[in-house]
C-alpha atoms as a PDB file:
ATOM      1  CA  UNK A   1     -31.325  54.563  -4.974  1.00  0.00           C
ATOM      2  CA  UNK A   2     -32.412  57.967  -6.238  1.00  0.00           C
ATOM      3  CA  UNK A   3     -35.509  56.423  -7.793  1.00  0.00           C
ATOM      4  CA  UNK A   4     -36.383  54.820  -4.464  1.00  0.00           C
ATOM      5  CA  UNK A   5     -35.993  58.191  -2.731  1.00  0.00           C
ATOM      6  CA  UNK A   6     -38.265  59.902  -5.278  1.00  0.00           C
ATOM      7  CA  UNK A   7     -40.893  57.174  -4.898  1.00  0.00           C
ATOM      8  CA  UNK A   8     -40.732  57.465  -1.105  1.00  0.00           C
ATOM      9  CA  UNK A   9     -41.127  61.253  -1.225  1.00  0.00           C
ATOM     10  CA  UNK A  10     -44.137  60.981  -3.545  1.00  0.00           C
ATOM     11  CA  UNK A  11     -45.726  58.343  -1.349  1.00  0.00           C
ATOM     12  CA  UNK A  12     -45.139  60.481   1.720  1.00  0.00           C
ATOM     13  CA  UNK A  13     -46.642  63.593   0.134  1.00  0.00           C
ATOM     14  CA  UNK A  14     -49.577  61.529  -1.110  1.00  0.00           C
ATOM     15  CA  UNK A  15     -50.396  60.425   2.418  1.00  0.00           C
ATOM     16  CA  UNK A  16     -49.511  63.566   4.375  1.00  0.00           C
ATOM     17  CA  UNK A  17     -49.851  67.203   3.483  1.00  0.00           C
ATOM     18  CA  UNK A  18     -46.958  69.671   3.576  1.00  0.00           C
ATOM     19  CA  UNK A  19     -47.790  70.993   7.067  1.00  0.00           C
ATOM     20  CA  UNK A  20     -47.677  67.508   8.567  1.00  0.00           C
ATOM     21  CA  UNK A  21     -44.331  66.778   6.931  1.00  0.00           C
ATOM     22  CA  UNK A  22     -42.877  70.069   8.193  1.00  0.00           C
ATOM     23  CA  UNK A  23     -44.170  69.273  11.683  1.00  0.00           C
ATOM     24  CA  UNK A  24     -42.454  65.854  11.543  1.00  0.00           C
ATOM     25  CA  UNK A  25     -39.195  67.526  10.525  1.00  0.00           C
ATOM     26  CA  UNK A  26     -39.489  70.110  13.325  1.00  0.00           C
ATOM     27  CA  UNK A  27     -40.178  67.455  15.958  1.00  0.00           C
ATOM     28  CA  UNK A  28     -37.338  65.337  14.593  1.00  0.00           C
ATOM     29  CA  UNK A  29     -34.912  68.243  14.879  1.00  0.00           C
ATOM     30  CA  UNK A  30     -36.113  68.983  18.422  1.00  0.00           C
ATOM     31  CA  UNK A  31     -35.795  65.333  19.456  1.00  0.00           C
ATOM     32  CA  UNK A  32     -32.344  65.134  17.891  1.00  0.00           C
ATOM     33  CA  UNK A  33     -31.252  68.220  19.818  1.00  0.00           C
ATOM     34  CA  UNK A  34     -32.598  66.799  23.099  1.00  0.00           C
ATOM     35  CA  UNK A  35     -30.932  63.429  22.477  1.00  0.00           C
ATOM     36  CA  UNK A  36     -27.636  65.138  21.691  1.00  0.00           C
ATOM     37  CA  UNK A  37     -27.842  67.216  24.876  1.00  0.00           C
ATOM     38  CA  UNK A  38     -28.822  64.181  26.964  1.00  0.00           C
ATOM     39  CA  UNK A  39     -32.133  65.731  28.036  1.00  0.00           C
ATOM     40  CA  UNK A  40     -34.468  63.329  26.232  1.00  0.00           C
ATOM     41  CA  UNK A  41     -36.067  62.185  29.506  1.00  0.00           C
ATOM     42  CA  UNK A  42     -36.299  65.411  31.472  1.00  0.00           C
ATOM     43  CA  UNK A  43     -39.274  65.278  33.845  1.00  0.00           C
ATOM     44  CA  UNK A  44     -39.156  69.059  34.364  1.00  0.00           C
ATOM     45  CA  UNK A  45     -39.975  69.700  30.725  1.00  0.00           C
END
């Protein structure tokens, strides 16, 4: 399983640069927060 994770990380960094990956993580955290708060479909946002 660890080998699969390492291969996935290398594939991901080969396709995307570090800024893109950090942006994905930031958007994922923001979406997770909105889903947790129940505001994922807020038309005022």
